[in-house]
Amino acid sequence: MAGIGKTAPDFEDLLPAMAEKLGGDGLMRELCNGFKLLMDEETGVITAASLKRNATVLGLQDLRDDELASMVREGDLDGDGALSEMEFCVLMFRLSPGLMEESRLLLEEMLEDQLKTAGF
């Protein structure tokens, strides 16, 4: 059992494999399902409290309250202290090096195609 001073288990980035298996639309559906699983039913956002209530589902039951709050702050783009569905999805992509690299390559391809079409 992890305690204070111990590091979290290594993160296994499964999103690229999920994206390959499910496709883009399927991955987004799964991320939305994950968001709904973790969100506070009353407010419709993920808070540190809703993460704590659902920590066992994620294998995060050993994390302290300040660590859970830090996880929410990491993805809180608008500073409201909670994660909207969009912020959650952005955070999941940011935490996935494989998806970030794949997204960067797709963006570069799209930009090159746009530049060629525009005559550059």
PDB file of N, CA and C in Angstrom:
ATOM      1  N   MET A   1       0.850  -1.177   0.000  1.00  0.00           N
ATOM      2  CA  MET A   1       0.000   0.000   0.000  1.00  0.00           C
ATOM      3  C   MET A   1       0.891   1.233   0.000  1.00  0.00           C
ATOM      4  N   ALA A   2       0.619   2.173  -0.908  1.00  0.00           N
ATOM      5  CA  ALA A   2       1.440   3.379  -1.008  1.00  0.00           C
ATOM      6  C   ALA A   2       1.120   4.300   0.157  1.00  0.00           C
ATOM      7  N   GLY A   3       2.108   4.990   0.609  1.00  0.00           N
ATOM      8  CA  GLY A   3       1.925   5.928   1.705  1.00  0.00           C
ATOM      9  C   GLY A   3       2.638   7.220   1.389  1.00  0.00           C
ATOM     10  N   ILE A   4       2.692   8.072   2.379  1.00  0.00           N
ATOM     11  CA  ILE A   4       3.365   9.347   2.208  1.00  0.00           C
ATOM     12  C   ILE A   4       4.833   9.081   1.916  1.00  0.00           C
ATOM     13  N   GLY A   5       5.355   9.794   0.937  1.00  0.00           N
ATOM     14  CA  GLY A   5       6.758   9.643   0.585  1.00  0.00           C
ATOM     15  C   GLY A   5       7.003   8.602  -0.486  1.00  0.00           C
ATOM     16  N   LYS A   6       6.006   7.774  -0.779  1.00  0.00           N
ATOM     17  CA  LYS A   6       6.168   6.784  -1.836  1.00  0.00           C
ATOM     18  C   LYS A   6       5.649   7.366  -3.135  1.00  0.00           C
ATOM     19  N   THR A   7       6.240   6.943  -4.224  1.00  0.00           N
ATOM     20  CA  THR A   7       5.812   7.465  -5.513  1.00  0.00           C
ATOM     21  C   THR A   7       4.625   6.666  -6.030  1.00  0.00           C
ATOM     22  N   ALA A   8       3.856   7.287  -6.912  1.00  0.00           N
ATOM     23  CA  ALA A   8       2.714   6.621  -7.532  1.00  0.00           C
ATOM     24  C   ALA A   8       3.231   5.555  -8.487  1.00  0.00           C
ATOM     25  N   PRO A   9       2.414   4.557  -8.764  1.00  0.00           N
ATOM     26  CA  PRO A   9       2.849   3.535  -9.718  1.00  0.00           C
ATOM     27  C   PRO A   9       3.085   4.159 -11.090  1.00  0.00           C
ATOM     28  N   ASP A  10       3.925   3.514 -11.890  1.00  0.00           N
ATOM     29  CA  ASP A  10       4.199   4.020 -13.227  1.00  0.00           C
ATOM     30  C   ASP A  10       2.912   4.093 -14.023  1.00  0.00           C
ATOM     31  N   PHE A  11       2.780   5.187 -14.788  1.00  0.00           N
ATOM     32  CA  PHE A  11       1.612   5.412 -15.614  1.00  0.00           C
ATOM     33  C   PHE A  11       1.779   4.665 -16.929  1.00  0.00           C
ATOM     34  N   GLU A  12       0.810   3.835 -17.264  1.00  0.00           N
ATOM     35  CA  GLU A  12       0.838   3.130 -18.533  1.00  0.00           C
ATOM     36  C   GLU A  12      -0.103   3.855 -19.484  1.00  0.00           C
ATOM     37  N   ASP A  13       0.434   4.402 -20.545  1.00  0.00           N
ATOM     38  CA  ASP A  13      -0.327   5.197 -21.500  1.00  0.00           C
ATOM     39  C   ASP A  13      -1.089   4.271 -22.440  1.00  0.00           C
ATOM     40  N   LEU A  14      -2.371   4.082 -22.144  1.00  0.00           N
ATOM     41  CA  LEU A  14      -3.202   3.192 -22.944  1.00  0.00           C
ATOM     42  C   LEU A  14      -4.004   3.931 -24.007  1.00  0.00           C
ATOM     43  N   LEU A  15      -4.017   5.258 -23.975  1.00  0.00           N
ATOM     44  CA  LEU A  15      -4.837   5.999 -24.928  1.00  0.00           C
ATOM     45  C   LEU A  15      -4.463   5.753 -26.387  1.00  0.00           C
ATOM     46  N   PRO A  16      -3.180   5.694 -26.757  1.00  0.00           N
ATOM     47  CA  PRO A  16      -2.885   5.418 -28.169  1.00  0.00           C
ATOM     48  C   PRO A  16      -3.433   4.069 -28.639  1.00  0.00           C
ATOM     49  N   ALA A  17      -3.342   3.046 -27.798  1.00  0.00           N
ATOM     50  CA  ALA A  17      -3.885   1.735 -28.171  1.00  0.00           C
ATOM     51  C   ALA A  17      -5.401   1.794 -28.273  1.00  0.00           C
ATOM     52  N   MET A  18      -6.029   2.523 -27.362  1.00  0.00           N
ATOM     53  CA  MET A  18      -7.481   2.688 -27.427  1.00  0.00           C
ATOM     54  C   MET A  18      -7.883   3.427 -28.692  1.00  0.00           C
ATOM     55  N   ALA A  19      -7.131   4.479 -29.038  1.00  0.00           N
ATOM     56  CA  ALA A  19      -7.442   5.258 -30.237  1.00  0.00           C
ATOM     57  C   ALA A  19      -7.323   4.397 -31.486  1.00  0.00           C
ATOM     58  N   GLU A  20      -6.300   3.559 -31.511  1.00  0.00           N
ATOM     59  CA  GLU A  20      -6.100   2.682 -32.667  1.00  0.00           C
ATOM     60  C   GLU A  20      -7.242   1.672 -32.778  1.00  0.00           C
ATOM     61  N   LYS A  21      -7.652   1.131 -31.656  1.00  0.00           N
ATOM     62  CA  LYS A  21      -8.697   0.114 -31.658  1.00  0.00           C
ATOM     63  C   LYS A  21     -10.084   0.711 -31.901  1.00  0.00           C
ATOM     64  N   LEU A  22     -10.371   1.849 -31.269  1.00  0.00           N
ATOM     65  CA  LEU A  22     -11.712   2.416 -31.299  1.00  0.00           C
ATOM     66  C   LEU A  22     -11.912   3.472 -32.375  1.00  0.00           C
ATOM     67  N   GLY A  23     -10.817   4.025 -32.890  1.00  0.00           N
ATOM     68  CA  GLY A  23     -10.936   5.154 -33.800  1.00  0.00           C
ATOM     69  C   GLY A  23     -11.184   6.424 -33.010  1.00  0.00           C
ATOM     70  N   GLY A  24     -11.134   7.555 -33.687  1.00  0.00           N
ATOM     71  CA  GLY A  24     -11.279   8.846 -33.013  1.00  0.00           C
ATOM     72  C   GLY A  24     -12.614   9.017 -32.319  1.00  0.00           C
ATOM     73  N   ASP A  25     -13.697   8.688 -33.015  1.00  0.00           N
ATOM     74  CA  ASP A  25     -15.023   8.845 -32.415  1.00  0.00           C
ATOM     75  C   ASP A  25     -15.204   7.917 -31.214  1.00  0.00           C
ATOM     76  N   GLY A  26     -14.740   6.686 -31.342  1.00  0.00           N
ATOM     77  CA  GLY A  26     -14.858   5.733 -30.245  1.00  0.00           C
ATOM     78  C   GLY A  26     -14.057   6.166 -29.029  1.00  0.00           C
ATOM     79  N   LEU A  27     -12.847   6.695 -29.268  1.00  0.00           N
ATOM     80  CA  LEU A  27     -12.025   7.168 -28.157  1.00  0.00           C
ATOM     81  C   LEU A  27     -12.715   8.323 -27.446  1.00  0.00           C
ATOM     82  N   MET A  28     -13.289   9.248 -28.215  1.00  0.00           N
ATOM     83  CA  MET A  28     -13.975  10.379 -27.593  1.00  0.00           C
ATOM     84  C   MET A  28     -15.190   9.900 -26.789  1.00  0.00           C
ATOM     85  N   ARG A  29     -15.917   8.909 -27.283  1.00  0.00           N
ATOM     86  CA  ARG A  29     -17.037   8.346 -26.514  1.00  0.00           C
ATOM     87  C   ARG A  29     -16.552   7.760 -25.189  1.00  0.00           C
ATOM     88  N   GLU A  30     -15.417   7.043 -25.240  1.00  0.00           N
ATOM     89  CA  GLU A  30     -14.871   6.450 -24.019  1.00  0.00           C
ATOM     90  C   GLU A  30     -14.403   7.525 -23.039  1.00  0.00           C
ATOM     91  N   LEU A  31     -13.794   8.584 -23.551  1.00  0.00           N
ATOM     92  CA  LEU A  31     -13.380   9.683 -22.674  1.00  0.00           C
ATOM     93  C   LEU A  31     -14.604  10.336 -22.035  1.00  0.00           C
ATOM     94  N   CYS A  32     -15.667  10.512 -22.811  1.00  0.00           N
ATOM     95  CA  CYS A  32     -16.901  11.082 -22.263  1.00  0.00           C
ATOM     96  C   CYS A  32     -17.488  10.173 -21.192  1.00  0.00           C
ATOM     97  N   ASN A  33     -17.451   8.865 -21.425  1.00  0.00           N
ATOM     98  CA  ASN A  33     -17.925   7.920 -20.408  1.00  0.00           C
ATOM     99  C   ASN A  33     -17.079   8.003 -19.146  1.00  0.00           C
ATOM    100  N   GLY A  34     -15.756   8.134 -19.321  1.00  0.00           N
ATOM    101  CA  GLY A  34     -14.867   8.289 -18.169  1.00  0.00           C
ATOM    102  C   GLY A  34     -15.169   9.553 -17.396  1.00  0.00           C
ATOM    103  N   PHE A  35     -15.442  10.631 -18.122  1.00  0.00           N
ATOM    104  CA  PHE A  35     -15.787  11.894 -17.470  1.00  0.00           C
ATOM    105  C   PHE A  35     -17.048  11.715 -16.631  1.00  0.00           C
ATOM    106  N   LYS A  36     -18.068  11.104 -17.209  1.00  0.00           N
ATOM    107  CA  LYS A  36     -19.348  10.923 -16.504  1.00  0.00           C
ATOM    108  C   LYS A  36     -19.175  10.058 -15.257  1.00  0.00           C
ATOM    109  N   LEU A  37     -18.280   9.102 -15.329  1.00  0.00           N
ATOM    110  CA  LEU A  37     -18.008   8.234 -14.189  1.00  0.00           C
ATOM    111  C   LEU A  37     -17.392   9.023 -13.027  1.00  0.00           C
ATOM    112  N   LEU A  38     -16.579  10.024 -13.343  1.00  0.00           N
ATOM    113  CA  LEU A  38     -15.839  10.767 -12.320  1.00  0.00           C
ATOM    114  C   LEU A  38     -16.502  12.066 -11.882  1.00  0.00           C
ATOM    115  N   MET A  39     -17.470  12.542 -12.645  1.00  0.00           N
ATOM    116  CA  MET A  39     -18.051  13.859 -12.354  1.00  0.00           C
ATOM    117  C   MET A  39     -18.979  13.825 -11.148  1.00  0.00           C
ATOM    118  N   ASP A  40     -19.165  14.991 -10.584  1.00  0.00           N
ATOM    119  CA  ASP A  40     -20.130  15.196  -9.525  1.00  0.00           C
ATOM    120  C   ASP A  40     -21.504  15.285 -10.190  1.00  0.00           C
ATOM    121  N   GLU A  41     -22.418  14.438  -9.779  1.00  0.00           N
ATOM    122  CA  GLU A  41     -23.747  14.376 -10.412  1.00  0.00           C
ATOM    123  C   GLU A  41     -24.500  15.707 -10.321  1.00  0.00           C
ATOM    124  N   GLU A  42     -24.342  16.423  -9.222  1.00  0.00           N
ATOM    125  CA  GLU A  42     -25.089  17.668  -9.016  1.00  0.00           C
ATOM    126  C   GLU A  42     -24.545  18.820  -9.854  1.00  0.00           C
ATOM    127  N   THR A  43     -23.213  18.898  -9.977  1.00  0.00           N
ATOM    128  CA  THR A  43     -22.619  20.046 -10.671  1.00  0.00           C
ATOM    129  C   THR A  43     -22.244  19.755 -12.113  1.00  0.00           C
ATOM    130  N   GLY A  44     -22.098  18.479 -12.471  1.00  0.00           N
ATOM    131  CA  GLY A  44     -21.747  18.118 -13.843  1.00  0.00           C
ATOM    132  C   GLY A  44     -20.293  18.358 -14.195  1.00  0.00           C
ATOM    133  N   VAL A  45     -19.429  18.505 -13.171  1.00  0.00           N
ATOM    134  CA  VAL A  45     -17.993  18.691 -13.387  1.00  0.00           C
ATOM    135  C   VAL A  45     -17.229  17.749 -12.460  1.00  0.00           C
ATOM    136  N   ILE A  46     -15.946  17.556 -12.755  1.00  0.00           N
ATOM    137  CA  ILE A  46     -15.091  16.758 -11.878  1.00  0.00           C
ATOM    138  C   ILE A  46     -14.446  17.693 -10.869  1.00  0.00           C
ATOM    139  N   THR A  47     -14.592  17.357  -9.605  1.00  0.00           N
ATOM    140  CA  THR A  47     -13.976  18.116  -8.525  1.00  0.00           C
ATOM    141  C   THR A  47     -13.039  17.182  -7.764  1.00  0.00           C
ATOM    142  N   ALA A  48     -12.239  17.751  -6.888  1.00  0.00           N
ATOM    143  CA  ALA A  48     -11.384  16.908  -6.049  1.00  0.00           C
ATOM    144  C   ALA A  48     -12.245  15.965  -5.211  1.00  0.00           C
ATOM    145  N   ALA A  49     -13.399  16.443  -4.757  1.00  0.00           N
ATOM    146  CA  ALA A  49     -14.296  15.610  -3.949  1.00  0.00           C
ATOM    147  C   ALA A  49     -14.871  14.463  -4.776  1.00  0.00           C
ATOM    148  N   SER A  50     -15.260  14.725  -6.028  1.00  0.00           N
ATOM    149  CA  SER A  50     -15.808  13.639  -6.849  1.00  0.00           C
ATOM    150  C   SER A  50     -14.711  12.646  -7.225  1.00  0.00           C
ATOM    151  N   LEU A  51     -13.487  13.138  -7.408  1.00  0.00           N
ATOM    152  CA  LEU A  51     -12.366  12.224  -7.647  1.00  0.00           C
ATOM    153  C   LEU A  51     -12.152  11.328  -6.438  1.00  0.00           C
ATOM    154  N   LYS A  52     -12.237  11.926  -5.252  1.00  0.00           N
ATOM    155  CA  LYS A  52     -12.030  11.147  -4.028  1.00  0.00           C
ATOM    156  C   LYS A  52     -13.103  10.063  -3.899  1.00  0.00           C
ATOM    157  N   ARG A  53     -14.361  10.415  -4.204  1.00  0.00           N
ATOM    158  CA  ARG A  53     -15.447   9.434  -4.119  1.00  0.00           C
ATOM    159  C   ARG A  53     -15.238   8.280  -5.099  1.00  0.00           C
ATOM    160  N   ASN A  54     -14.604   8.561  -6.228  1.00  0.00           N
ATOM    161  CA  ASN A  54     -14.435   7.558  -7.280  1.00  0.00           C
ATOM    162  C   ASN A  54     -12.995   7.070  -7.406  1.00  0.00           C
ATOM    163  N   ALA A  55     -12.157   7.385  -6.443  1.00  0.00           N
ATOM    164  CA  ALA A  55     -10.726   7.069  -6.515  1.00  0.00           C
ATOM    165  C   ALA A  55     -10.455   5.578  -6.679  1.00  0.00           C
ATOM    166  N   THR A  56     -11.266   4.743  -6.063  1.00  0.00           N
ATOM    167  CA  THR A  56     -11.052   3.300  -6.137  1.00  0.00           C
ATOM    168  C   THR A  56     -11.186   2.799  -7.572  1.00  0.00           C
ATOM    169  N   VAL A  57     -12.127   3.368  -8.316  1.00  0.00           N
ATOM    170  CA  VAL A  57     -12.329   2.977  -9.713  1.00  0.00           C
ATOM    171  C   VAL A  57     -11.053   3.198 -10.525  1.00  0.00           C
ATOM    172  N   LEU A  58     -10.314   4.236 -10.162  1.00  0.00           N
ATOM    173  CA  LEU A  58      -9.095   4.602 -10.881  1.00  0.00           C
ATOM    174  C   LEU A  58      -7.834   3.996 -10.275  1.00  0.00           C
ATOM    175  N   GLY A  59      -7.978   3.311  -9.151  1.00  0.00           N
ATOM    176  CA  GLY A  59      -6.802   2.796  -8.458  1.00  0.00           C
ATOM    177  C   GLY A  59      -6.044   3.895  -7.732  1.00  0.00           C
ATOM    178  N   LEU A  60      -6.743   4.978  -7.404  1.00  0.00           N
ATOM    179  CA  LEU A  60      -6.108   6.134  -6.757  1.00  0.00           C
ATOM    180  C   LEU A  60      -6.503   6.273  -5.294  1.00  0.00           C
ATOM    181  N   GLN A  61      -7.006   5.219  -4.694  1.00  0.00           N
ATOM    182  CA  GLN A  61      -7.501   5.295  -3.321  1.00  0.00           C
ATOM    183  C   GLN A  61      -6.433   5.693  -2.313  1.00  0.00           C
ATOM    184  N   ASP A  62      -5.166   5.539  -2.657  1.00  0.00           N
ATOM    185  CA  ASP A  62      -4.098   5.873  -1.714  1.00  0.00           C
ATOM    186  C   ASP A  62      -3.630   7.326  -1.817  1.00  0.00           C
ATOM    187  N   LEU A  63      -4.192   8.075  -2.768  1.00  0.00           N
ATOM    188  CA  LEU A  63      -3.774   9.470  -2.914  1.00  0.00           C
ATOM    189  C   LEU A  63      -4.415  10.339  -1.837  1.00  0.00           C
ATOM    190  N   ARG A  64      -3.635  11.308  -1.372  1.00  0.00           N
ATOM    191  CA  ARG A  64      -4.112  12.255  -0.364  1.00  0.00           C
ATOM    192  C   ARG A  64      -5.014  13.296  -1.035  1.00  0.00           C
ATOM    193  N   ASP A  65      -5.794  14.004  -0.220  1.00  0.00           N
ATOM    194  CA  ASP A  65      -6.693  15.035  -0.725  1.00  0.00           C
ATOM    195  C   ASP A  65      -5.949  16.103  -1.528  1.00  0.00           C
ATOM    196  N   ASP A  66      -4.753  16.511  -1.045  1.00  0.00           N
ATOM    197  CA  ASP A  66      -4.008  17.548  -1.756  1.00  0.00           C
ATOM    198  C   ASP A  66      -3.518  17.037  -3.116  1.00  0.00           C
ATOM    199  N   GLU A  67      -3.234  15.744  -3.216  1.00  0.00           N
ATOM    200  CA  GLU A  67      -2.805  15.167  -4.492  1.00  0.00           C
ATOM    201  C   GLU A  67      -3.976  15.117  -5.477  1.00  0.00           C
ATOM    202  N   LEU A  68      -5.164  14.784  -4.991  1.00  0.00           N
ATOM    203  CA  LEU A  68      -6.352  14.773  -5.844  1.00  0.00           C
ATOM    204  C   LEU A  68      -6.681  16.191  -6.317  1.00  0.00           C
ATOM    205  N   ALA A  69      -6.565  17.157  -5.415  1.00  0.00           N
ATOM    206  CA  ALA A  69      -6.808  18.559  -5.784  1.00  0.00           C
ATOM    207  C   ALA A  69      -5.795  19.018  -6.829  1.00  0.00           C
ATOM    208  N   SER A  70      -4.563  18.573  -6.700  1.00  0.00           N
ATOM    209  CA  SER A  70      -3.525  18.916  -7.665  1.00  0.00           C
ATOM    210  C   SER A  70      -3.857  18.357  -9.051  1.00  0.00           C
ATOM    211  N   MET A  71      -4.430  17.159  -9.081  1.00  0.00           N
ATOM    212  CA  MET A  71      -4.819  16.564 -10.361  1.00  0.00           C
ATOM    213  C   MET A  71      -5.878  17.425 -11.053  1.00  0.00           C
ATOM    214  N   VAL A  72      -6.828  17.926 -10.285  1.00  0.00           N
ATOM    215  CA  VAL A  72      -7.865  18.789 -10.851  1.00  0.00           C
ATOM    216  C   VAL A  72      -7.233  20.097 -11.334  1.00  0.00           C
ATOM    217  N   ARG A  73      -6.361  20.701 -10.516  1.00  0.00           N
ATOM    218  CA  ARG A  73      -5.706  21.956 -10.918  1.00  0.00           C
ATOM    219  C   ARG A  73      -4.918  21.794 -12.214  1.00  0.00           C
ATOM    220  N   GLU A  74      -4.304  20.624 -12.407  1.00  0.00           N
ATOM    221  CA  GLU A  74      -3.493  20.366 -13.603  1.00  0.00           C
ATOM    222  C   GLU A  74      -4.291  20.568 -14.883  1.00  0.00           C
ATOM    223  N   GLY A  75      -5.561  20.215 -14.864  1.00  0.00           N
ATOM    224  CA  GLY A  75      -6.369  20.321 -16.076  1.00  0.00           C
ATOM    225  C   GLY A  75      -7.343  21.474 -16.089  1.00  0.00           C
ATOM    226  N   ASP A  76      -7.405  22.240 -14.999  1.00  0.00           N
ATOM    227  CA  ASP A  76      -8.379  23.328 -14.860  1.00  0.00           C
ATOM    228  C   ASP A  76      -7.929  24.544 -15.664  1.00  0.00           C
ATOM    229  N   LEU A  77      -8.401  24.644 -16.891  1.00  0.00           N
ATOM    230  CA  LEU A  77      -7.960  25.712 -17.785  1.00  0.00           C
ATOM    231  C   LEU A  77      -8.608  27.059 -17.492  1.00  0.00           C
ATOM    232  N   ASP A  78      -9.835  27.055 -16.971  1.00  0.00           N
ATOM    233  CA  ASP A  78     -10.519  28.326 -16.726  1.00  0.00           C
ATOM    234  C   ASP A  78     -10.438  28.791 -15.273  1.00  0.00           C
ATOM    235  N   GLY A  79      -9.766  28.018 -14.423  1.00  0.00           N
ATOM    236  CA  GLY A  79      -9.525  28.436 -13.043  1.00  0.00           C
ATOM    237  C   GLY A  79     -10.734  28.366 -12.127  1.00  0.00           C
ATOM    238  N   ASP A  80     -11.748  27.581 -12.494  1.00  0.00           N
ATOM    239  CA  ASP A  80     -12.937  27.502 -11.642  1.00  0.00           C
ATOM    240  C   ASP A  80     -12.848  26.413 -10.568  1.00  0.00           C
ATOM    241  N   GLY A  81     -11.710  25.719 -10.511  1.00  0.00           N
ATOM    242  CA  GLY A  81     -11.516  24.710  -9.479  1.00  0.00           C
ATOM    243  C   GLY A  81     -12.120  23.354  -9.796  1.00  0.00           C
ATOM    244  N   ALA A  82     -12.557  23.171 -11.035  1.00  0.00           N
ATOM    245  CA  ALA A  82     -13.173  21.910 -11.445  1.00  0.00           C
ATOM    246  C   ALA A  82     -12.828  21.636 -12.904  1.00  0.00           C
ATOM    247  N   LEU A  83     -13.086  20.406 -13.341  1.00  0.00           N
ATOM    248  CA  LEU A  83     -12.836  20.033 -14.731  1.00  0.00           C
ATOM    249  C   LEU A  83     -14.156  19.860 -15.469  1.00  0.00           C
ATOM    250  N   SER A  84     -14.337  20.641 -16.511  1.00  0.00           N
ATOM    251  CA  SER A  84     -15.462  20.415 -17.409  1.00  0.00           C
ATOM    252  C   SER A  84     -15.123  19.211 -18.282  1.00  0.00           C
ATOM    253  N   GLU A  85     -16.072  18.764 -19.068  1.00  0.00           N
ATOM    254  CA  GLU A  85     -15.817  17.629 -19.945  1.00  0.00           C
ATOM    255  C   GLU A  85     -14.703  17.952 -20.940  1.00  0.00           C
ATOM    256  N   MET A  86     -14.698  19.156 -21.483  1.00  0.00           N
ATOM    257  CA  MET A  86     -13.659  19.558 -22.429  1.00  0.00           C
ATOM    258  C   MET A  86     -12.292  19.594 -21.750  1.00  0.00           C
ATOM    259  N   GLU A  87     -12.221  20.173 -20.550  1.00  0.00           N
ATOM    260  CA  GLU A  87     -10.952  20.237 -19.832  1.00  0.00           C
ATOM    261  C   GLU A  87     -10.431  18.837 -19.513  1.00  0.00           C
ATOM    262  N   PHE A  88     -11.328  17.932 -19.150  1.00  0.00           N
ATOM    263  CA  PHE A  88     -10.940  16.550 -18.863  1.00  0.00           C
ATOM    264  C   PHE A  88     -10.337  15.895 -20.100  1.00  0.00           C
ATOM    265  N   CYS A  89     -10.992  16.059 -21.250  1.00  0.00           N
ATOM    266  CA  CYS A  89     -10.491  15.454 -22.486  1.00  0.00           C
ATOM    267  C   CYS A  89      -9.142  16.042 -22.888  1.00  0.00           C
ATOM    268  N   VAL A  90      -8.996  17.356 -22.765  1.00  0.00           N
ATOM    269  CA  VAL A  90      -7.718  18.007 -23.068  1.00  0.00           C
ATOM    270  C   VAL A  90      -6.631  17.458 -22.157  1.00  0.00           C
ATOM    271  N   LEU A  91      -6.939  17.317 -20.876  1.00  0.00           N
ATOM    272  CA  LEU A  91      -5.964  16.790 -19.920  1.00  0.00           C
ATOM    273  C   LEU A  91      -5.558  15.365 -20.281  1.00  0.00           C
ATOM    274  N   MET A  92      -6.511  14.534 -20.650  1.00  0.00           N
ATOM    275  CA  MET A  92      -6.192  13.154 -21.015  1.00  0.00           C
ATOM    276  C   MET A  92      -5.254  13.113 -22.223  1.00  0.00           C
ATOM    277  N   PHE A  93      -5.477  13.986 -23.194  1.00  0.00           N
ATOM    278  CA  PHE A  93      -4.581  14.044 -24.353  1.00  0.00           C
ATOM    279  C   PHE A  93      -3.206  14.558 -23.944  1.00  0.00           C
ATOM    280  N   ARG A  94      -3.173  15.585 -23.070  1.00  0.00           N
ATOM    281  CA  ARG A  94      -1.888  16.130 -22.623  1.00  0.00           C
ATOM    282  C   ARG A  94      -1.072  15.100 -21.863  1.00  0.00           C
ATOM    283  N   LEU A  95      -1.746  14.237 -21.110  1.00  0.00           N
ATOM    284  CA  LEU A  95      -1.053  13.231 -20.304  1.00  0.00           C
ATOM    285  C   LEU A  95      -0.622  12.024 -21.119  1.00  0.00           C
ATOM    286  N   SER A  96      -1.000  11.989 -22.396  1.00  0.00           N
ATOM    287  CA  SER A  96      -0.672  10.852 -23.255  1.00  0.00           C
ATOM    288  C   SER A  96       0.373  11.271 -24.279  1.00  0.00           C
ATOM    289  N   PRO A  97       1.653  11.000 -24.018  1.00  0.00           N
ATOM    290  CA  PRO A  97       2.705  11.383 -24.975  1.00  0.00           C
ATOM    291  C   PRO A  97       2.471  10.788 -26.361  1.00  0.00           C
ATOM    292  N   GLY A  98       1.971   9.560 -26.424  1.00  0.00           N
ATOM    293  CA  GLY A  98       1.729   8.926 -27.710  1.00  0.00           C
ATOM    294  C   GLY A  98       0.672   9.645 -28.517  1.00  0.00           C
ATOM    295  N   LEU A  99      -0.424  10.034 -27.868  1.00  0.00           N
ATOM    296  CA  LEU A  99      -1.475  10.753 -28.580  1.00  0.00           C
ATOM    297  C   LEU A  99      -1.021  12.156 -28.956  1.00  0.00           C
ATOM    298  N   MET A 100      -0.248  12.789 -28.095  1.00  0.00           N
ATOM    299  CA  MET A 100       0.243  14.135 -28.414  1.00  0.00           C
ATOM    300  C   MET A 100       1.121  14.100 -29.656  1.00  0.00           C
ATOM    301  N   GLU A 101       1.991  13.117 -29.770  1.00  0.00           N
ATOM    302  CA  GLU A 101       2.867  13.012 -30.936  1.00  0.00           C
ATOM    303  C   GLU A 101       2.044  12.724 -32.189  1.00  0.00           C
ATOM    304  N   GLU A 102       1.090  11.809 -32.069  1.00  0.00           N
ATOM    305  CA  GLU A 102       0.237  11.480 -33.214  1.00  0.00           C
ATOM    306  C   GLU A 102      -0.575  12.704 -33.643  1.00  0.00           C
ATOM    307  N   SER A 103      -1.111  13.452 -32.680  1.00  0.00           N
ATOM    308  CA  SER A 103      -1.881  14.657 -32.979  1.00  0.00           C
ATOM    309  C   SER A 103      -0.997  15.705 -33.659  1.00  0.00           C
ATOM    310  N   ARG A 104       0.238  15.846 -33.179  1.00  0.00           N
ATOM    311  CA  ARG A 104       1.157  16.816 -33.774  1.00  0.00           C
ATOM    312  C   ARG A 104       1.435  16.460 -35.230  1.00  0.00           C
ATOM    313  N   LEU A 105       1.658  15.180 -35.510  1.00  0.00           N
ATOM    314  CA  LEU A 105       1.926  14.750 -36.876  1.00  0.00           C
ATOM    315  C   LEU A 105       0.716  14.982 -37.780  1.00  0.00           C
ATOM    316  N   LEU A 106      -0.477  14.690 -37.289  1.00  0.00           N
ATOM    317  CA  LEU A 106      -1.693  14.938 -38.072  1.00  0.00           C
ATOM    318  C   LEU A 106      -1.879  16.419 -38.350  1.00  0.00           C
ATOM    319  N   LEU A 107      -1.621  17.261 -37.365  1.00  0.00           N
ATOM    320  CA  LEU A 107      -1.727  18.697 -37.543  1.00  0.00           C
ATOM    321  C   LEU A 107      -0.734  19.194 -38.586  1.00  0.00           C
ATOM    322  N   GLU A 108       0.502  18.700 -38.530  1.00  0.00           N
ATOM    323  CA  GLU A 108       1.501  19.090 -39.521  1.00  0.00           C
ATOM    324  C   GLU A 108       1.064  18.698 -40.930  1.00  0.00           C
ATOM    325  N   GLU A 109       0.512  17.489 -41.072  1.00  0.00           N
ATOM    326  CA  GLU A 109       0.025  17.043 -42.383  1.00  0.00           C
ATOM    327  C   GLU A 109      -1.097  17.947 -42.884  1.00  0.00           C
ATOM    328  N   MET A 110      -2.029  18.280 -41.994  1.00  0.00           N
ATOM    329  CA  MET A 110      -3.145  19.138 -42.384  1.00  0.00           C
ATOM    330  C   MET A 110      -2.652  20.514 -42.804  1.00  0.00           C
ATOM    331  N   LEU A 111      -1.699  21.061 -42.058  1.00  0.00           N
ATOM    332  CA  LEU A 111      -1.163  22.375 -42.408  1.00  0.00           C
ATOM    333  C   LEU A 111      -0.432  22.342 -43.749  1.00  0.00           C
ATOM    334  N   GLU A 112       0.340  21.295 -43.983  1.00  0.00           N
ATOM    335  CA  GLU A 112       1.029  21.160 -45.270  1.00  0.00           C
ATOM    336  C   GLU A 112       0.025  21.086 -46.412  1.00  0.00           C
ATOM    337  N   ASP A 113      -1.033  20.316 -46.234  1.00  0.00           N
ATOM    338  CA  ASP A 113      -2.058  20.209 -47.274  1.00  0.00           C
ATOM    339  C   ASP A 113      -2.733  21.565 -47.515  1.00  0.00           C
ATOM    340  N   GLN A 114      -3.014  22.295 -46.460  1.00  0.00           N
ATOM    341  CA  GLN A 114      -3.638  23.603 -46.605  1.00  0.00           C
ATOM    342  C   GLN A 114      -2.724  24.583 -47.332  1.00  0.00           C
ATOM    343  N   LEU A 115      -1.425  24.530 -47.001  1.00  0.00           N
ATOM    344  CA  LEU A 115      -0.464  25.413 -47.661  1.00  0.00           C
ATOM    345  C   LEU A 115      -0.342  25.061 -49.145  1.00  0.00           C
ATOM    346  N   LYS A 116      -0.322  23.789 -49.478  1.00  0.00           N
ATOM    347  CA  LYS A 116      -0.245  23.356 -50.877  1.00  0.00           C
ATOM    348  C   LYS A 116      -1.485  23.810 -51.637  1.00  0.00           C
ATOM    349  N   THR A 117      -2.651  23.643 -51.004  1.00  0.00           N
ATOM    350  CA  THR A 117      -3.894  24.046 -51.635  1.00  0.00           C
ATOM    351  C   THR A 117      -3.927  25.555 -51.864  1.00  0.00           C
ATOM    352  N   ALA A 118      -3.348  26.292 -50.963  1.00  0.00           N
ATOM    353  CA  ALA A 118      -3.308  27.758 -51.066  1.00  0.00           C
ATOM    354  C   ALA A 118      -2.202  28.236 -52.015  1.00  0.00           C
ATOM    355  N   GLY A 119      -1.387  27.300 -52.519  1.00  0.00           N
ATOM    356  CA  GLY A 119      -0.356  27.665 -53.482  1.00  0.00           C
ATOM    357  C   GLY A 119       0.973  28.043 -52.869  1.00  0.00           C
ATOM    358  N   PHE A 120       1.215  27.691 -51.643  1.00  0.00           N
ATOM    359  CA  PHE A 120       2.501  28.012 -51.007  1.00  0.00           C
ATOM    360  C   PHE A 120       3.467  26.878 -51.127  1.00  0.00           C
TER     361      PHE A 120
END
